[in-house]
């Protein structure tokens, strides 16, 4: 539930974390766009998807940021004082779910695309992962906006089912596709799956706070901070690792490209 009021410190904490996410998403997208020529064309699809994911997230965080500023206001001179909910305005948590509905399936597309698997294998994995990811988000939203603990628990349980299926595909079925990858790529992608698990694990913890009788303004602030940190990990850090995988595979696939890139790196080091 959205609190009726926030202290100055609570307001500043949420404000600063939302601002941090916007900057992280925008500049990650900018870096990837500039660095796109540093990988072979066959891997650029994965990095392009990562750019799109960060762009979508940045847009929705602008909307979340504006919604937050509109929802909580203060009459204190200079803005130093407690903030209360503005009449006729409310913080819109729905922006997060629209963002996740678009970006979570795309995160899985990034992972599959960077492997450059045979078309049939890639299609098979995506047909399993993308619908499951969308279903996980759709089932979670009714519980998020519900004030009834029973409904929240029910939809939380339902959304866990596709989540577990995604983990099964990532840690069981996808493992079979990693055998033909370079050793460094296998290790990095294995770590990448655990990053997804770690960052996605923040969402259900924040989701379950009301069921654990943790409520009030402190709990709400913790949830917003948790969501923000998780989005940085699951999108920005994840995207940088996807780029690193694409670069490793590019250098391994094309010796001529590796020579050119090595010369470029040496020149940059001397500047």
C-alpha atoms as a PDB file:
ATOM      1  CA  UNK A   1       0.000   0.000   0.000  1.00  0.00           C
ATOM      2  CA  UNK A   2       1.151   3.544  -0.746  1.00  0.00           C
ATOM      3  CA  UNK A   3       1.838   5.447   2.516  1.00  0.00           C
ATOM      4  CA  UNK A   4      -0.048   8.607   3.396  1.00  0.00           C
ATOM      5  CA  UNK A   5       3.150  10.500   4.091  1.00  0.00           C
ATOM      6  CA  UNK A   6       6.938  10.355   3.807  1.00  0.00           C
ATOM      7  CA  UNK A   7       9.633  12.039   5.862  1.00  0.00           C
ATOM      8  CA  UNK A   8      12.136  14.271   4.118  1.00  0.00           C
ATOM      9  CA  UNK A   9      14.738  11.496   4.290  1.00  0.00           C
ATOM     10  CA  UNK A  10      12.363   8.887   2.855  1.00  0.00           C
ATOM     11  CA  UNK A  11      11.314  11.191   0.039  1.00  0.00           C
ATOM     12  CA  UNK A  12      14.935  12.029  -0.827  1.00  0.00           C
ATOM     13  CA  UNK A  13      15.903   8.333  -0.792  1.00  0.00           C
ATOM     14  CA  UNK A  14      13.234   7.347  -3.320  1.00  0.00           C
ATOM     15  CA  UNK A  15      13.880  10.492  -5.390  1.00  0.00           C
ATOM     16  CA  UNK A  16      17.617   9.799  -5.604  1.00  0.00           C
ATOM     17  CA  UNK A  17      17.254   6.105  -6.432  1.00  0.00           C
ATOM     18  CA  UNK A  18      14.760   6.808  -9.215  1.00  0.00           C
ATOM     19  CA  UNK A  19      17.183   9.392 -10.593  1.00  0.00           C
ATOM     20  CA  UNK A  20      20.029   6.859 -10.367  1.00  0.00           C
ATOM     21  CA  UNK A  21      18.079   4.294 -12.389  1.00  0.00           C
ATOM     22  CA  UNK A  22      17.278   6.828 -15.123  1.00  0.00           C
ATOM     23  CA  UNK A  23      20.954   7.798 -15.452  1.00  0.00           C
ATOM     24  CA  UNK A  24      22.077   4.149 -15.386  1.00  0.00           C
ATOM     25  CA  UNK A  25      19.644   3.066 -18.097  1.00  0.00           C
ATOM     26  CA  UNK A  26      20.306   6.026 -20.385  1.00  0.00           C
ATOM     27  CA  UNK A  27      24.095   5.898 -20.243  1.00  0.00           C
ATOM     28  CA  UNK A  28      24.228   2.119 -20.524  1.00  0.00           C
ATOM     29  CA  UNK A  29      22.156   2.404 -23.705  1.00  0.00           C
ATOM     30  CA  UNK A  30      24.463   5.175 -24.968  1.00  0.00           C
ATOM     31  CA  UNK A  31      27.609   3.134 -24.263  1.00  0.00           C
ATOM     32  CA  UNK A  32      26.216   0.061 -26.029  1.00  0.00           C
ATOM     33  CA  UNK A  33      25.171   2.136 -29.033  1.00  0.00           C
ATOM     34  CA  UNK A  34      28.658   3.620 -29.369  1.00  0.00           C
ATOM     35  CA  UNK A  35      30.320   0.229 -28.823  1.00  0.00           C
ATOM     36  CA  UNK A  36      28.118  -1.677 -31.274  1.00  0.00           C
ATOM     37  CA  UNK A  37      30.745  -1.659 -34.086  1.00  0.00           C
ATOM     38  CA  UNK A  38      33.196  -3.409 -31.712  1.00  0.00           C
ATOM     39  CA  UNK A  39      31.384  -6.732 -32.197  1.00  0.00           C
ATOM     40  CA  UNK A  40      30.595  -8.803 -35.285  1.00  0.00           C
ATOM     41  CA  UNK A  41      27.241  -8.224 -37.045  1.00  0.00           C
ATOM     42  CA  UNK A  42      25.914 -11.677 -36.063  1.00  0.00           C
ATOM     43  CA  UNK A  43      25.991 -10.653 -32.382  1.00  0.00           C
ATOM     44  CA  UNK A  44      24.662  -7.134 -32.757  1.00  0.00           C
ATOM     45  CA  UNK A  45      21.048  -8.275 -32.508  1.00  0.00           C
ATOM     46  CA  UNK A  46      21.565  -9.254 -28.862  1.00  0.00           C
ATOM     47  CA  UNK A  47      23.218  -5.939 -27.986  1.00  0.00           C
ATOM     48  CA  UNK A  48      20.587  -3.989 -29.939  1.00  0.00           C
ATOM     49  CA  UNK A  49      17.898  -5.685 -27.856  1.00  0.00           C
ATOM     50  CA  UNK A  50      19.846  -4.664 -24.740  1.00  0.00           C
ATOM     51  CA  UNK A  51      19.811  -1.051 -25.953  1.00  0.00           C
ATOM     52  CA  UNK A  52      16.048  -1.252 -26.499  1.00  0.00           C
ATOM     53  CA  UNK A  53      15.557  -2.733 -23.012  1.00  0.00           C
ATOM     54  CA  UNK A  54      17.500   0.095 -21.376  1.00  0.00           C
ATOM     55  CA  UNK A  55      15.600   2.657 -23.458  1.00  0.00           C
ATOM     56  CA  UNK A  56      12.220   1.226 -22.453  1.00  0.00           C
ATOM     57  CA  UNK A  57      13.279   1.170 -18.810  1.00  0.00           C
ATOM     58  CA  UNK A  58      14.553   4.757 -18.919  1.00  0.00           C
ATOM     59  CA  UNK A  59      11.254   5.948 -20.436  1.00  0.00           C
ATOM     60  CA  UNK A  60       9.168   4.219 -17.780  1.00  0.00           C
ATOM     61  CA  UNK A  61      11.390   5.472 -14.984  1.00  0.00           C
ATOM     62  CA  UNK A  62      10.838   9.009 -16.216  1.00  0.00           C
ATOM     63  CA  UNK A  63       7.117   8.290 -15.881  1.00  0.00           C
ATOM     64  CA  UNK A  64       7.605   6.731 -12.424  1.00  0.00           C
ATOM     65  CA  UNK A  65       9.737   9.723 -11.387  1.00  0.00           C
ATOM     66  CA  UNK A  66       7.060  12.202 -12.491  1.00  0.00           C
ATOM     67  CA  UNK A  67       4.328  10.131 -10.829  1.00  0.00           C
ATOM     68  CA  UNK A  68       6.284  10.110  -7.570  1.00  0.00           C
ATOM     69  CA  UNK A  69       6.841  13.876  -7.592  1.00  0.00           C
ATOM     70  CA  UNK A  70       3.160  14.502  -8.329  1.00  0.00           C
ATOM     71  CA  UNK A  71       1.964  12.049  -5.667  1.00  0.00           C
ATOM     72  CA  UNK A  72       3.908  13.458  -2.714  1.00  0.00           C
ATOM     73  CA  UNK A  73       4.028  17.181  -1.949  1.00  0.00           C
ATOM     74  CA  UNK A  74       5.034  19.386   0.958  1.00  0.00           C
ATOM     75  CA  UNK A  75       3.982  22.824   2.139  1.00  0.00           C
ATOM     76  CA  UNK A  76       7.297  23.399   3.883  1.00  0.00           C
ATOM     77  CA  UNK A  77       9.318  26.372   2.718  1.00  0.00           C
ATOM     78  CA  UNK A  78      12.173  25.260   0.503  1.00  0.00           C
ATOM     79  CA  UNK A  79      10.758  21.742   0.290  1.00  0.00           C
ATOM     80  CA  UNK A  80      12.275  20.732   3.639  1.00  0.00           C
ATOM     81  CA  UNK A  81       9.652  18.830   5.604  1.00  0.00           C
ATOM     82  CA  UNK A  82       7.318  15.863   5.559  1.00  0.00           C
ATOM     83  CA  UNK A  83       5.622  14.965   2.287  1.00  0.00           C
ATOM     84  CA  UNK A  84       1.979  13.888   2.119  1.00  0.00           C
ATOM     85  CA  UNK A  85      -0.072  12.394  -0.699  1.00  0.00           C
ATOM     86  CA  UNK A  86      -1.416  15.118  -2.957  1.00  0.00           C
ATOM     87  CA  UNK A  87      -5.175  15.381  -3.256  1.00  0.00           C
ATOM     88  CA  UNK A  88      -6.404  13.762  -6.462  1.00  0.00           C
ATOM     89  CA  UNK A  89      -3.012  12.246  -7.249  1.00  0.00           C
ATOM     90  CA  UNK A  90      -1.482   8.845  -6.529  1.00  0.00           C
ATOM     91  CA  UNK A  91       1.765   7.048  -7.228  1.00  0.00           C
ATOM     92  CA  UNK A  92       1.266   4.749 -10.221  1.00  0.00           C
ATOM     93  CA  UNK A  93       2.970   1.386  -9.632  1.00  0.00           C
ATOM     94  CA  UNK A  94       1.531   0.194 -12.939  1.00  0.00           C
ATOM     95  CA  UNK A  95       4.382   1.836 -14.855  1.00  0.00           C
ATOM     96  CA  UNK A  96       6.764  -0.755 -13.415  1.00  0.00           C
ATOM     97  CA  UNK A  97       4.625  -3.641 -14.582  1.00  0.00           C
ATOM     98  CA  UNK A  98       4.256  -2.229 -18.081  1.00  0.00           C
ATOM     99  CA  UNK A  99       8.037  -1.863 -18.162  1.00  0.00           C
ATOM    100  CA  UNK A 100       8.574  -5.432 -16.927  1.00  0.00           C
ATOM    101  CA  UNK A 101       5.994  -6.830 -19.331  1.00  0.00           C
ATOM    102  CA  UNK A 102       8.073  -5.452 -22.190  1.00  0.00           C
ATOM    103  CA  UNK A 103      11.608  -5.830 -20.866  1.00  0.00           C
ATOM    104  CA  UNK A 104      11.630  -9.152 -19.002  1.00  0.00           C
ATOM    105  CA  UNK A 105      10.895 -11.223 -22.141  1.00  0.00           C
ATOM    106  CA  UNK A 106      13.473  -9.141 -24.021  1.00  0.00           C
ATOM    107  CA  UNK A 107      16.121  -9.911 -21.390  1.00  0.00           C
ATOM    108  CA  UNK A 108      15.695 -13.573 -22.233  1.00  0.00           C
ATOM    109  CA  UNK A 109      15.822 -12.763 -25.948  1.00  0.00           C
ATOM    110  CA  UNK A 110      19.216 -11.095 -25.321  1.00  0.00           C
ATOM    111  CA  UNK A 111      20.567 -14.215 -23.667  1.00  0.00           C
ATOM    112  CA  UNK A 112      19.430 -16.560 -26.436  1.00  0.00           C
ATOM    113  CA  UNK A 113      20.428 -14.195 -29.250  1.00  0.00           C
ATOM    114  CA  UNK A 114      24.013 -13.740 -28.060  1.00  0.00           C
ATOM    115  CA  UNK A 115      24.567 -17.513 -28.257  1.00  0.00           C
ATOM    116  CA  UNK A 116      23.994 -17.411 -32.032  1.00  0.00           C
ATOM    117  CA  UNK A 117      22.433 -20.868 -31.924  1.00  0.00           C
ATOM    118  CA  UNK A 118      20.919 -22.754 -34.824  1.00  0.00           C
ATOM    119  CA  UNK A 119      17.629 -21.137 -35.823  1.00  0.00           C
ATOM    120  CA  UNK A 120      15.541 -24.149 -34.773  1.00  0.00           C
ATOM    121  CA  UNK A 121      17.141 -24.319 -31.304  1.00  0.00           C
ATOM    122  CA  UNK A 122      16.835 -20.577 -30.819  1.00  0.00           C
ATOM    123  CA  UNK A 123      13.185 -20.605 -31.845  1.00  0.00           C
ATOM    124  CA  UNK A 124      12.428 -23.506 -29.497  1.00  0.00           C
ATOM    125  CA  UNK A 125      13.975 -21.733 -26.505  1.00  0.00           C
ATOM    126  CA  UNK A 126      12.254 -18.414 -27.207  1.00  0.00           C
ATOM    127  CA  UNK A 127       8.841 -20.066 -27.625  1.00  0.00           C
ATOM    128  CA  UNK A 128       9.228 -21.348 -24.079  1.00  0.00           C
ATOM    129  CA  UNK A 129      10.888 -18.395 -22.391  1.00  0.00           C
ATOM    130  CA  UNK A 130       9.059 -15.358 -23.804  1.00  0.00           C
ATOM    131  CA  UNK A 131       5.441 -16.463 -23.067  1.00  0.00           C
ATOM    132  CA  UNK A 132       6.465 -17.683 -19.605  1.00  0.00           C
ATOM    133  CA  UNK A 133       8.110 -14.336 -18.813  1.00  0.00           C
ATOM    134  CA  UNK A 134       5.050 -12.371 -19.962  1.00  0.00           C
ATOM    135  CA  UNK A 135       2.734 -14.654 -17.987  1.00  0.00           C
ATOM    136  CA  UNK A 136       4.856 -14.219 -14.856  1.00  0.00           C
ATOM    137  CA  UNK A 137       4.448 -10.423 -14.992  1.00  0.00           C
ATOM    138  CA  UNK A 138       0.749 -10.499 -15.907  1.00  0.00           C
ATOM    139  CA  UNK A 139      -0.073 -12.806 -13.008  1.00  0.00           C
ATOM    140  CA  UNK A 140       1.906 -10.709 -10.543  1.00  0.00           C
ATOM    141  CA  UNK A 141       0.164  -7.395 -11.241  1.00  0.00           C
ATOM    142  CA  UNK A 142      -3.297  -8.148  -9.727  1.00  0.00           C
ATOM    143  CA  UNK A 143      -1.615  -9.106  -6.484  1.00  0.00           C
ATOM    144  CA  UNK A 144       0.576  -5.998  -6.507  1.00  0.00           C
ATOM    145  CA  UNK A 145      -2.379  -3.616  -6.645  1.00  0.00           C
ATOM    146  CA  UNK A 146      -4.597  -5.632  -4.290  1.00  0.00           C
ATOM    147  CA  UNK A 147      -5.010  -4.673  -0.662  1.00  0.00           C
ATOM    148  CA  UNK A 148      -6.195  -8.172   0.165  1.00  0.00           C
ATOM    149  CA  UNK A 149      -3.433 -10.444   1.476  1.00  0.00           C
ATOM    150  CA  UNK A 150      -5.246 -13.536   0.226  1.00  0.00           C
ATOM    151  CA  UNK A 151      -5.382 -12.293  -3.356  1.00  0.00           C
ATOM    152  CA  UNK A 152      -1.821 -11.059  -3.127  1.00  0.00           C
ATOM    153  CA  UNK A 153      -0.646 -14.475  -1.978  1.00  0.00           C
ATOM    154  CA  UNK A 154      -2.709 -16.284  -4.621  1.00  0.00           C
ATOM    155  CA  UNK A 155      -1.397 -14.261  -7.553  1.00  0.00           C
ATOM    156  CA  UNK A 156       2.112 -14.356  -6.099  1.00  0.00           C
ATOM    157  CA  UNK A 157       1.907 -18.157  -6.098  1.00  0.00           C
ATOM    158  CA  UNK A 158       0.494 -18.257  -9.628  1.00  0.00           C
ATOM    159  CA  UNK A 159       3.253 -15.997 -10.969  1.00  0.00           C
ATOM    160  CA  UNK A 160       5.835 -18.268  -9.348  1.00  0.00           C
ATOM    161  CA  UNK A 161       4.841 -21.157 -11.626  1.00  0.00           C
ATOM    162  CA  UNK A 162       6.105 -19.564 -14.884  1.00  0.00           C
ATOM    163  CA  UNK A 163       9.110 -18.241 -12.944  1.00  0.00           C
ATOM    164  CA  UNK A 164      10.116 -21.771 -11.969  1.00  0.00           C
ATOM    165  CA  UNK A 165       9.583 -22.910 -15.569  1.00  0.00           C
ATOM    166  CA  UNK A 166      11.937 -20.158 -16.766  1.00  0.00           C
ATOM    167  CA  UNK A 167      14.562 -21.330 -14.279  1.00  0.00           C
ATOM    168  CA  UNK A 168      14.155 -24.886 -15.548  1.00  0.00           C
ATOM    169  CA  UNK A 169      14.739 -23.790 -19.141  1.00  0.00           C
ATOM    170  CA  UNK A 170      17.725 -21.594 -18.209  1.00  0.00           C
ATOM    171  CA  UNK A 171      19.492 -24.038 -15.904  1.00  0.00           C
ATOM    172  CA  UNK A 172      18.563 -27.354 -17.507  1.00  0.00           C
ATOM    173  CA  UNK A 173      17.645 -27.013 -21.167  1.00  0.00           C
ATOM    174  CA  UNK A 174      19.879 -24.026 -22.001  1.00  0.00           C
ATOM    175  CA  UNK A 175      22.887 -25.763 -20.433  1.00  0.00           C
ATOM    176  CA  UNK A 176      22.849 -28.224 -23.321  1.00  0.00           C
ATOM    177  CA  UNK A 177      23.354 -25.323 -25.718  1.00  0.00           C
ATOM    178  CA  UNK A 178      26.391 -24.021 -23.833  1.00  0.00           C
ATOM    179  CA  UNK A 179      28.581 -27.038 -24.572  1.00  0.00           C
ATOM    180  CA  UNK A 180      29.654 -25.671 -27.956  1.00  0.00           C
ATOM    181  CA  UNK A 181      30.481 -22.206 -26.604  1.00  0.00           C
ATOM    182  CA  UNK A 182      34.056 -21.050 -25.827  1.00  0.00           C
ATOM    183  CA  UNK A 183      35.130 -21.810 -22.246  1.00  0.00           C
ATOM    184  CA  UNK A 184      35.164 -18.140 -21.237  1.00  0.00           C
ATOM    185  CA  UNK A 185      31.684 -17.672 -22.670  1.00  0.00           C
ATOM    186  CA  UNK A 186      30.327 -20.732 -20.854  1.00  0.00           C
ATOM    187  CA  UNK A 187      31.583 -19.377 -17.529  1.00  0.00           C
ATOM    188  CA  UNK A 188      30.271 -15.871 -18.165  1.00  0.00           C
ATOM    189  CA  UNK A 189      26.849 -17.076 -19.287  1.00  0.00           C
ATOM    190  CA  UNK A 190      26.576 -19.339 -16.265  1.00  0.00           C
ATOM    191  CA  UNK A 191      27.256 -16.316 -14.073  1.00  0.00           C
ATOM    192  CA  UNK A 192      24.753 -14.327 -16.104  1.00  0.00           C
ATOM    193  CA  UNK A 193      21.986 -16.790 -15.277  1.00  0.00           C
ATOM    194  CA  UNK A 194      22.769 -16.432 -11.579  1.00  0.00           C
ATOM    195  CA  UNK A 195      22.689 -12.637 -11.961  1.00  0.00           C
ATOM    196  CA  UNK A 196      19.179 -12.967 -13.360  1.00  0.00           C
ATOM    197  CA  UNK A 197      18.204 -15.221 -10.472  1.00  0.00           C
ATOM    198  CA  UNK A 198      19.726 -12.822  -7.929  1.00  0.00           C
ATOM    199  CA  UNK A 199      18.150  -9.680  -9.385  1.00  0.00           C
ATOM    200  CA  UNK A 200      14.774 -11.283 -10.023  1.00  0.00           C
ATOM    201  CA  UNK A 201      14.830 -12.592  -6.447  1.00  0.00           C
ATOM    202  CA  UNK A 202      14.511  -9.008  -5.185  1.00  0.00           C
ATOM    203  CA  UNK A 203      11.096  -8.583  -6.807  1.00  0.00           C
ATOM    204  CA  UNK A 204       9.224 -11.342  -4.933  1.00  0.00           C
ATOM    205  CA  UNK A 205      10.807 -10.255  -1.632  1.00  0.00           C
ATOM    206  CA  UNK A 206       9.479  -6.713  -2.142  1.00  0.00           C
ATOM    207  CA  UNK A 207       6.168  -8.139  -3.383  1.00  0.00           C
ATOM    208  CA  UNK A 208       5.746 -10.219  -0.209  1.00  0.00           C
ATOM    209  CA  UNK A 209       6.476  -7.440   2.305  1.00  0.00           C
ATOM    210  CA  UNK A 210       2.764  -6.854   3.133  1.00  0.00           C
ATOM    211  CA  UNK A 211       2.252 -10.599   3.680  1.00  0.00           C
ATOM    212  CA  UNK A 212       5.107 -10.537   6.193  1.00  0.00           C
ATOM    213  CA  UNK A 213       3.318  -7.761   8.131  1.00  0.00           C
ATOM    214  CA  UNK A 214       5.991  -5.295   7.056  1.00  0.00           C
ATOM    215  CA  UNK A 215       4.075  -2.200   6.106  1.00  0.00           C
ATOM    216  CA  UNK A 216       4.144   1.573   6.417  1.00  0.00           C
ATOM    217  CA  UNK A 217       6.332   4.187   4.811  1.00  0.00           C
ATOM    218  CA  UNK A 218       9.642   2.448   5.630  1.00  0.00           C
ATOM    219  CA  UNK A 219       8.509  -0.754   3.919  1.00  0.00           C
ATOM    220  CA  UNK A 220       7.296   1.182   0.878  1.00  0.00           C
ATOM    221  CA  UNK A 221      10.609   3.016   0.579  1.00  0.00           C
ATOM    222  CA  UNK A 222      12.523  -0.265   0.922  1.00  0.00           C
ATOM    223  CA  UNK A 223      10.380  -1.740  -1.859  1.00  0.00           C
ATOM    224  CA  UNK A 224      11.070   1.193  -4.204  1.00  0.00           C
ATOM    225  CA  UNK A 225      14.806   1.021  -3.486  1.00  0.00           C
ATOM    226  CA  UNK A 226      14.784  -2.762  -3.971  1.00  0.00           C
ATOM    227  CA  UNK A 227      12.971  -2.509  -7.293  1.00  0.00           C
ATOM    228  CA  UNK A 228      15.384   0.205  -8.443  1.00  0.00           C
ATOM    229  CA  UNK A 229      18.535  -1.750  -7.541  1.00  0.00           C
ATOM    230  CA  UNK A 230      17.113  -4.893  -9.139  1.00  0.00           C
ATOM    231  CA  UNK A 231      16.342  -3.023 -12.365  1.00  0.00           C
ATOM    232  CA  UNK A 232      19.913  -1.714 -12.559  1.00  0.00           C
ATOM    233  CA  UNK A 233      21.302  -5.223 -12.067  1.00  0.00           C
ATOM    234  CA  UNK A 234      18.819  -6.974 -14.368  1.00  0.00           C
ATOM    235  CA  UNK A 235      19.112  -4.464 -17.208  1.00  0.00           C
ATOM    236  CA  UNK A 236      22.308  -2.386 -17.061  1.00  0.00           C
ATOM    237  CA  UNK A 237      24.792  -4.839 -15.536  1.00  0.00           C
ATOM    238  CA  UNK A 238      23.187  -7.677 -17.484  1.00  0.00           C
ATOM    239  CA  UNK A 239      23.497  -5.702 -20.738  1.00  0.00           C
ATOM    240  CA  UNK A 240      27.196  -4.995 -20.158  1.00  0.00           C
ATOM    241  CA  UNK A 241      27.823  -8.721 -19.603  1.00  0.00           C
ATOM    242  CA  UNK A 242      25.880  -9.558 -22.777  1.00  0.00           C
ATOM    243  CA  UNK A 243      28.151  -7.116 -24.626  1.00  0.00           C
ATOM    244  CA  UNK A 244      31.248  -8.759 -23.114  1.00  0.00           C
ATOM    245  CA  UNK A 245      30.028 -12.186 -24.251  1.00  0.00           C
ATOM    246  CA  UNK A 246      29.372 -10.830 -27.752  1.00  0.00           C
ATOM    247  CA  UNK A 247      32.860  -9.337 -27.853  1.00  0.00           C
ATOM    248  CA  UNK A 248      34.558 -12.559 -26.678  1.00  0.00           C
ATOM    249  CA  UNK A 249      32.680 -14.552 -29.299  1.00  0.00           C
ATOM    250  CA  UNK A 250      33.454 -11.969 -31.997  1.00  0.00           C
ATOM    251  CA  UNK A 251      37.203 -12.132 -31.326  1.00  0.00           C
ATOM    252  CA  UNK A 252      37.120 -15.934 -31.221  1.00  0.00           C
ATOM    253  CA  UNK A 253      35.086 -16.277 -34.431  1.00  0.00           C
ATOM    254  CA  UNK A 254      37.105 -13.976 -36.700  1.00  0.00           C
ATOM    255  CA  UNK A 255      40.917 -13.782 -36.324  1.00  0.00           C
ATOM    256  CA  UNK A 256      41.100 -10.831 -38.760  1.00  0.00           C
ATOM    257  CA  UNK A 257      38.554  -8.915 -36.697  1.00  0.00           C
ATOM    258  CA  UNK A 258      40.529  -9.786 -33.540  1.00  0.00           C
ATOM    259  CA  UNK A 259      43.710  -8.323 -35.070  1.00  0.00           C
ATOM    260  CA  UNK A 260      41.911  -5.088 -35.988  1.00  0.00           C
ATOM    261  CA  UNK A 261      40.388  -4.795 -32.520  1.00  0.00           C
ATOM    262  CA  UNK A 262      43.719  -5.524 -30.854  1.00  0.00           C
ATOM    263  CA  UNK A 263      45.331  -2.728 -32.848  1.00  0.00           C
ATOM    264  CA  UNK A 264      42.458  -0.427 -31.901  1.00  0.00           C
ATOM    265  CA  UNK A 265      42.899  -1.252 -28.213  1.00  0.00           C
ATOM    266  CA  UNK A 266      46.649  -0.627 -28.377  1.00  0.00           C
ATOM    267  CA  UNK A 267      46.078   2.726 -30.047  1.00  0.00           C
ATOM    268  CA  UNK A 268      43.517   3.702 -27.411  1.00  0.00           C
ATOM    269  CA  UNK A 269      45.920   2.709 -24.639  1.00  0.00           C
ATOM    270  CA  UNK A 270      48.608   5.053 -26.034  1.00  0.00           C
ATOM    271  CA  UNK A 271      46.252   8.040 -26.248  1.00  0.00           C
END
